């Protein structure tokens, strides 16, 4: 089974929340953490990575908070995942002493490419439907 780490899971949940509530303007990270039942301190680390990637931005002040920098239709799932995990690698046998000798390596590489293509083709808007 393909599974994301907590950082990516929380990041996807944060992005979906921001997309669903975009009309409300900038949203407080504390409010998001409370409503989504996510640990605030960990969410701070996640939002920093998303901000560094240019997917979210923030506004300071009384009515400040976080918001998406682009329309959800213009943000691919791959952009979100890769900003949090780095390049999606699937089926690579780094450090394995049997790398190159294993028959299924080509199968895993093909599966990995299909996963990468799928998450490149899906957008944040697809996640909020």
N, C-alpha and C. Protein backbone atom coordinates (compact mmCIF):
# COMPACT_ATOMS: atom_id res chain seq x y z
N UNK A 1 0.83 -1.18 0.00
CA UNK A 1 0.00 0.00 0.00
C UNK A 1 0.88 1.24 0.00
N UNK A 2 0.52 2.20 -0.80
CA UNK A 2 1.23 3.47 -0.90
C UNK A 2 0.72 4.39 0.20
N UNK A 3 1.62 4.94 0.99
CA UNK A 3 1.20 5.78 2.11
C UNK A 3 2.14 6.96 2.23
N UNK A 4 1.61 8.11 2.62
CA UNK A 4 2.42 9.30 2.86
C UNK A 4 2.80 9.37 4.32
N UNK A 5 3.90 10.07 4.60
CA UNK A 5 4.25 10.28 6.00
C UNK A 5 3.32 11.34 6.60
N UNK A 6 3.41 11.55 7.90
CA UNK A 6 2.49 12.47 8.59
C UNK A 6 2.63 13.90 8.07
N UNK A 7 3.85 14.29 7.77
CA UNK A 7 4.08 15.65 7.29
C UNK A 7 3.28 15.88 6.00
N UNK A 8 3.31 14.94 5.10
CA UNK A 8 2.59 15.08 3.83
C UNK A 8 1.09 14.96 4.04
N UNK A 9 0.68 14.05 4.89
CA UNK A 9 -0.75 13.91 5.20
C UNK A 9 -1.29 15.23 5.77
N UNK A 10 -0.58 15.81 6.74
CA UNK A 10 -1.02 17.06 7.34
C UNK A 10 -0.97 18.20 6.32
N UNK A 11 0.05 18.20 5.48
CA UNK A 11 0.17 19.23 4.45
C UNK A 11 -0.97 19.18 3.46
N UNK A 12 -1.34 17.99 3.04
CA UNK A 12 -2.48 17.84 2.13
C UNK A 12 -3.77 18.29 2.81
N UNK A 13 -3.93 17.92 4.07
CA UNK A 13 -5.14 18.34 4.81
C UNK A 13 -5.19 19.86 4.96
N UNK A 14 -4.04 20.47 5.23
CA UNK A 14 -3.96 21.92 5.34
C UNK A 14 -4.33 22.58 4.01
N UNK A 15 -3.77 22.08 2.92
CA UNK A 15 -4.04 22.66 1.60
C UNK A 15 -5.52 22.51 1.23
N UNK A 16 -6.10 21.37 1.52
CA UNK A 16 -7.53 21.15 1.24
C UNK A 16 -8.36 22.13 2.07
N UNK A 17 -8.00 22.30 3.33
CA UNK A 17 -8.73 23.23 4.20
C UNK A 17 -8.65 24.65 3.65
N UNK A 18 -7.45 25.09 3.26
CA UNK A 18 -7.29 26.43 2.71
C UNK A 18 -8.09 26.60 1.42
N UNK A 19 -8.10 25.57 0.59
CA UNK A 19 -8.86 25.64 -0.67
C UNK A 19 -10.36 25.72 -0.41
N UNK A 20 -10.84 24.92 0.51
CA UNK A 20 -12.28 24.91 0.81
C UNK A 20 -12.74 26.22 1.47
N UNK A 21 -11.83 26.90 2.14
CA UNK A 21 -12.19 28.10 2.89
C UNK A 21 -11.56 29.37 2.31
N UNK A 22 -11.15 29.33 1.07
CA UNK A 22 -10.45 30.46 0.45
C UNK A 22 -11.27 31.75 0.49
N UNK A 23 -12.58 31.63 0.39
CA UNK A 23 -13.44 32.81 0.37
C UNK A 23 -13.42 33.55 1.70
N UNK A 24 -12.95 32.93 2.75
CA UNK A 24 -12.91 33.56 4.08
C UNK A 24 -11.68 34.44 4.27
N UNK A 25 -10.75 34.43 3.30
CA UNK A 25 -9.53 35.21 3.43
C UNK A 25 -8.47 34.44 4.20
N UNK A 26 -7.40 35.13 4.62
CA UNK A 26 -6.33 34.46 5.37
C UNK A 26 -6.88 33.77 6.62
N UNK A 27 -6.36 32.57 6.88
CA UNK A 27 -6.85 31.78 8.01
C UNK A 27 -5.72 31.53 9.01
N UNK A 28 -6.06 31.65 10.27
CA UNK A 28 -5.13 31.42 11.36
C UNK A 28 -4.71 29.95 11.40
N UNK A 29 -3.41 29.74 11.55
CA UNK A 29 -2.91 28.36 11.64
C UNK A 29 -3.43 27.68 12.90
N UNK A 30 -3.58 28.43 13.98
CA UNK A 30 -4.14 27.85 15.21
C UNK A 30 -5.56 27.37 14.99
N UNK A 31 -6.34 28.19 14.28
CA UNK A 31 -7.73 27.83 13.97
C UNK A 31 -7.77 26.56 13.11
N UNK A 32 -6.91 26.49 12.12
CA UNK A 32 -6.86 25.32 11.24
C UNK A 32 -6.48 24.08 12.04
N UNK A 33 -5.44 24.22 12.87
CA UNK A 33 -4.98 23.08 13.68
C UNK A 33 -6.11 22.59 14.59
N UNK A 34 -6.83 23.52 15.19
CA UNK A 34 -7.93 23.14 16.09
C UNK A 34 -9.06 22.45 15.33
N UNK A 35 -9.48 23.04 14.22
CA UNK A 35 -10.60 22.47 13.47
C UNK A 35 -10.26 21.13 12.83
N UNK A 36 -9.02 20.99 12.38
CA UNK A 36 -8.60 19.75 11.72
C UNK A 36 -8.01 18.73 12.70
N UNK A 37 -7.91 19.14 13.97
CA UNK A 37 -7.33 18.27 15.01
C UNK A 37 -5.91 17.84 14.64
N UNK A 38 -5.09 18.84 14.31
CA UNK A 38 -3.69 18.62 13.94
C UNK A 38 -2.80 19.32 14.95
N UNK A 39 -1.62 18.76 15.23
CA UNK A 39 -0.72 19.39 16.20
C UNK A 39 -0.17 20.71 15.63
N UNK A 40 -0.41 21.81 16.35
CA UNK A 40 -0.04 23.15 15.88
C UNK A 40 1.45 23.26 15.58
N UNK A 41 2.30 22.82 16.48
CA UNK A 41 3.76 22.95 16.29
C UNK A 41 4.22 22.22 15.04
N UNK A 42 3.68 21.05 14.80
CA UNK A 42 4.06 20.29 13.61
C UNK A 42 3.52 20.98 12.36
N UNK A 43 2.31 21.54 12.46
CA UNK A 43 1.71 22.25 11.34
C UNK A 43 2.53 23.49 10.97
N UNK A 44 3.16 24.12 11.95
CA UNK A 44 4.05 25.25 11.68
C UNK A 44 5.20 24.84 10.76
N UNK A 45 5.76 23.67 11.02
CA UNK A 45 6.85 23.16 10.18
C UNK A 45 6.36 22.86 8.76
N UNK A 46 5.18 22.29 8.68
CA UNK A 46 4.60 21.92 7.39
C UNK A 46 4.31 23.17 6.56
N UNK A 47 3.68 24.17 7.17
CA UNK A 47 3.32 25.39 6.44
C UNK A 47 4.57 26.15 6.00
N UNK A 48 5.64 26.06 6.76
CA UNK A 48 6.90 26.69 6.36
C UNK A 48 7.38 26.11 5.03
N UNK A 49 7.33 24.79 4.90
CA UNK A 49 7.76 24.13 3.66
C UNK A 49 6.85 24.51 2.49
N UNK A 50 5.55 24.57 2.75
CA UNK A 50 4.60 24.94 1.70
C UNK A 50 4.81 26.40 1.28
N UNK A 51 5.15 27.23 2.24
CA UNK A 51 5.40 28.65 1.94
C UNK A 51 6.71 28.78 1.14
N UNK A 52 7.71 28.04 1.53
CA UNK A 52 8.99 28.06 0.82
C UNK A 52 8.81 27.62 -0.63
N UNK A 53 7.90 26.68 -0.86
CA UNK A 53 7.61 26.18 -2.20
C UNK A 53 6.73 27.15 -3.00
N UNK A 54 6.23 28.19 -2.34
CA UNK A 54 5.40 29.17 -3.03
C UNK A 54 3.95 28.76 -3.20
N UNK A 55 3.51 27.77 -2.44
CA UNK A 55 2.13 27.29 -2.55
C UNK A 55 1.18 28.04 -1.63
N UNK A 56 1.70 28.53 -0.52
CA UNK A 56 0.91 29.35 0.40
C UNK A 56 1.70 30.60 0.74
N UNK A 57 1.00 31.57 1.24
CA UNK A 57 1.65 32.77 1.74
C UNK A 57 0.90 33.18 3.01
N UNK A 58 1.42 34.19 3.67
CA UNK A 58 0.78 34.62 4.91
C UNK A 58 0.67 36.13 4.94
N UNK A 59 -0.25 36.56 5.76
CA UNK A 59 -0.48 37.98 6.01
C UNK A 59 -0.43 38.15 7.51
N UNK A 60 0.33 39.13 7.95
CA UNK A 60 0.44 39.38 9.39
C UNK A 60 -0.67 40.31 9.86
N UNK A 61 -0.86 40.33 11.15
CA UNK A 61 -1.81 41.26 11.74
C UNK A 61 -3.06 40.61 12.26
N UNK A 62 -3.96 41.44 12.73
CA UNK A 62 -5.19 40.98 13.37
C UNK A 62 -6.01 40.06 12.45
N UNK A 63 -6.13 40.43 11.21
CA UNK A 63 -6.88 39.62 10.25
C UNK A 63 -5.96 38.79 9.37
N UNK A 64 -4.79 38.48 9.91
CA UNK A 64 -3.79 37.73 9.15
C UNK A 64 -4.04 36.23 9.18
N UNK A 65 -3.16 35.55 8.51
CA UNK A 65 -3.23 34.10 8.45
C UNK A 65 -2.63 33.60 7.14
N UNK A 66 -2.95 32.38 6.79
CA UNK A 66 -2.40 31.74 5.60
C UNK A 66 -3.45 31.64 4.51
N UNK A 67 -2.97 31.65 3.28
CA UNK A 67 -3.84 31.54 2.12
C UNK A 67 -3.06 30.92 0.96
N UNK A 68 -3.78 30.36 0.00
CA UNK A 68 -3.17 29.79 -1.19
C UNK A 68 -2.66 30.90 -2.09
N UNK A 69 -1.56 30.65 -2.77
CA UNK A 69 -1.00 31.65 -3.69
C UNK A 69 -1.57 31.49 -5.10
N UNK A 70 -2.20 30.35 -5.37
CA UNK A 70 -2.76 30.08 -6.70
C UNK A 70 -4.13 29.46 -6.55
N UNK A 71 -4.84 29.46 -7.65
CA UNK A 71 -6.12 28.77 -7.73
C UNK A 71 -5.87 27.28 -7.49
N UNK A 72 -6.74 26.59 -6.73
CA UNK A 72 -6.56 25.15 -6.48
C UNK A 72 -6.42 24.32 -7.76
N UNK A 73 -6.98 24.80 -8.84
CA UNK A 73 -6.89 24.08 -10.12
C UNK A 73 -5.48 24.17 -10.71
N UNK A 74 -4.68 25.10 -10.23
CA UNK A 74 -3.32 25.31 -10.75
C UNK A 74 -2.24 24.70 -9.85
N UNK A 75 -2.67 24.04 -8.77
CA UNK A 75 -1.72 23.41 -7.84
C UNK A 75 -1.86 21.90 -7.98
N UNK A 76 -0.83 21.25 -8.45
CA UNK A 76 -0.89 19.79 -8.60
C UNK A 76 -0.62 19.11 -7.26
N UNK A 77 -1.15 17.92 -7.13
CA UNK A 77 -0.87 17.12 -5.93
C UNK A 77 0.64 16.87 -5.84
N UNK A 78 1.28 16.69 -6.99
CA UNK A 78 2.73 16.46 -7.01
C UNK A 78 3.48 17.65 -6.41
N UNK A 79 3.06 18.87 -6.71
CA UNK A 79 3.72 20.04 -6.14
C UNK A 79 3.65 20.02 -4.62
N UNK A 80 2.50 19.66 -4.10
CA UNK A 80 2.32 19.62 -2.65
C UNK A 80 3.20 18.53 -2.04
N UNK A 81 3.08 17.32 -2.59
CA UNK A 81 3.83 16.18 -2.06
C UNK A 81 5.33 16.43 -2.15
N UNK A 82 5.80 16.91 -3.29
CA UNK A 82 7.24 17.10 -3.46
C UNK A 82 7.78 18.25 -2.62
N UNK A 83 6.94 19.23 -2.30
CA UNK A 83 7.41 20.31 -1.43
C UNK A 83 7.61 19.80 0.00
N UNK A 84 6.93 18.73 0.34
CA UNK A 84 7.01 18.18 1.70
C UNK A 84 7.93 16.96 1.81
N UNK A 85 8.03 16.17 0.75
CA UNK A 85 8.81 14.94 0.81
C UNK A 85 10.03 14.93 -0.11
N UNK A 86 10.08 15.87 -1.04
CA UNK A 86 11.10 15.82 -2.08
C UNK A 86 10.55 15.00 -3.24
N UNK A 87 11.40 14.74 -4.23
CA UNK A 87 10.93 14.00 -5.41
C UNK A 87 10.34 12.65 -5.03
N UNK A 88 9.24 12.31 -5.69
CA UNK A 88 8.59 11.03 -5.41
C UNK A 88 9.40 9.93 -6.08
N UNK A 89 9.97 9.10 -5.27
CA UNK A 89 10.77 7.97 -5.75
C UNK A 89 10.04 6.69 -5.39
N UNK A 90 9.87 5.85 -6.34
CA UNK A 90 9.13 4.63 -6.13
C UNK A 90 9.78 3.55 -6.96
N UNK A 91 10.16 2.47 -6.35
CA UNK A 91 10.73 1.37 -7.11
C UNK A 91 12.22 1.48 -7.34
N UNK A 92 12.88 2.39 -6.61
CA UNK A 92 14.32 2.49 -6.74
C UNK A 92 14.97 1.65 -5.64
N UNK A 93 16.03 1.05 -5.99
CA UNK A 93 16.68 0.09 -5.08
C UNK A 93 18.01 0.65 -4.58
N UNK A 94 18.00 1.88 -4.10
CA UNK A 94 19.23 2.50 -3.62
C UNK A 94 19.82 1.69 -2.47
N UNK A 95 21.09 1.36 -2.61
CA UNK A 95 21.78 0.67 -1.54
C UNK A 95 21.50 -0.81 -1.44
N UNK A 96 20.62 -1.32 -2.27
CA UNK A 96 20.31 -2.74 -2.20
C UNK A 96 21.41 -3.53 -2.92
N UNK A 97 21.99 -4.54 -2.27
CA UNK A 97 23.05 -5.30 -2.92
C UNK A 97 22.57 -6.09 -4.15
N UNK A 98 21.28 -6.28 -4.28
CA UNK A 98 20.74 -7.03 -5.41
C UNK A 98 20.22 -6.11 -6.53
N UNK A 99 20.43 -4.80 -6.36
CA UNK A 99 19.95 -3.84 -7.37
C UNK A 99 20.54 -4.22 -8.73
N UNK A 100 19.71 -4.24 -9.73
CA UNK A 100 20.14 -4.60 -11.08
C UNK A 100 20.01 -6.08 -11.36
N UNK A 101 19.91 -6.89 -10.33
CA UNK A 101 19.78 -8.32 -10.50
C UNK A 101 18.34 -8.79 -10.31
N UNK A 102 17.53 -7.94 -9.75
CA UNK A 102 16.17 -8.29 -9.40
C UNK A 102 15.24 -8.05 -10.58
N UNK A 103 14.53 -9.06 -11.00
CA UNK A 103 13.61 -8.95 -12.13
C UNK A 103 12.50 -7.94 -11.94
N UNK A 104 11.90 -7.86 -10.76
CA UNK A 104 10.78 -6.94 -10.58
C UNK A 104 11.16 -5.46 -10.59
N UNK A 105 12.46 -5.14 -10.64
CA UNK A 105 12.87 -3.73 -10.60
C UNK A 105 12.18 -2.91 -11.69
N UNK A 106 12.09 -3.47 -12.90
CA UNK A 106 11.44 -2.74 -14.00
C UNK A 106 9.95 -2.54 -13.72
N UNK A 107 9.33 -3.52 -13.10
CA UNK A 107 7.91 -3.41 -12.78
C UNK A 107 7.70 -2.28 -11.77
N UNK A 108 8.53 -2.23 -10.72
CA UNK A 108 8.39 -1.18 -9.71
C UNK A 108 8.69 0.19 -10.30
N UNK A 109 9.65 0.27 -11.21
CA UNK A 109 9.96 1.54 -11.87
C UNK A 109 8.76 2.01 -12.71
N UNK A 110 8.12 1.09 -13.40
CA UNK A 110 6.93 1.43 -14.20
C UNK A 110 5.78 1.90 -13.30
N UNK A 111 5.57 1.20 -12.20
CA UNK A 111 4.54 1.60 -11.26
C UNK A 111 4.85 2.98 -10.70
N UNK A 112 6.12 3.22 -10.36
CA UNK A 112 6.53 4.52 -9.84
C UNK A 112 6.25 5.64 -10.83
N UNK A 113 6.51 5.40 -12.10
CA UNK A 113 6.25 6.43 -13.12
C UNK A 113 4.76 6.71 -13.24
N UNK A 114 3.94 5.68 -13.13
CA UNK A 114 2.49 5.88 -13.20
C UNK A 114 1.98 6.67 -11.99
N UNK A 115 2.54 6.40 -10.82
CA UNK A 115 2.16 7.15 -9.63
C UNK A 115 2.55 8.62 -9.81
N UNK A 116 3.78 8.87 -10.27
CA UNK A 116 4.24 10.25 -10.48
C UNK A 116 3.34 10.97 -11.49
N UNK A 117 2.99 10.30 -12.59
CA UNK A 117 2.13 10.91 -13.61
C UNK A 117 0.76 11.23 -13.03
N UNK A 118 0.22 10.32 -12.26
CA UNK A 118 -1.11 10.54 -11.67
C UNK A 118 -1.12 11.73 -10.74
N UNK A 119 -0.14 11.85 -9.86
CA UNK A 119 -0.15 12.97 -8.92
C UNK A 119 0.22 14.29 -9.61
N UNK A 120 0.92 14.22 -10.76
CA UNK A 120 1.16 15.44 -11.54
C UNK A 120 -0.13 15.90 -12.21
N UNK A 121 -0.96 14.95 -12.63
CA UNK A 121 -2.20 15.26 -13.36
C UNK A 121 -3.35 15.65 -12.45
N UNK A 122 -3.31 15.29 -11.19
CA UNK A 122 -4.37 15.62 -10.24
C UNK A 122 -4.04 16.94 -9.56
N UNK A 123 -5.09 17.72 -9.30
CA UNK A 123 -4.89 19.03 -8.69
C UNK A 123 -5.54 19.09 -7.31
N UNK A 124 -5.24 20.17 -6.62
CA UNK A 124 -5.87 20.42 -5.32
C UNK A 124 -7.37 20.51 -5.48
N UNK A 125 -7.83 21.05 -6.59
CA UNK A 125 -9.28 21.14 -6.84
C UNK A 125 -9.89 19.74 -6.89
N UNK A 126 -9.16 18.76 -7.45
CA UNK A 126 -9.66 17.37 -7.49
C UNK A 126 -9.83 16.82 -6.07
N UNK A 127 -8.99 17.24 -5.15
CA UNK A 127 -9.06 16.75 -3.77
C UNK A 127 -10.21 17.34 -2.98
N UNK A 128 -10.76 18.47 -3.43
CA UNK A 128 -11.82 19.10 -2.65
C UNK A 128 -13.21 18.83 -3.22
N UNK A 129 -13.28 18.04 -4.25
CA UNK A 129 -14.58 17.70 -4.83
C UNK A 129 -15.38 16.82 -3.90
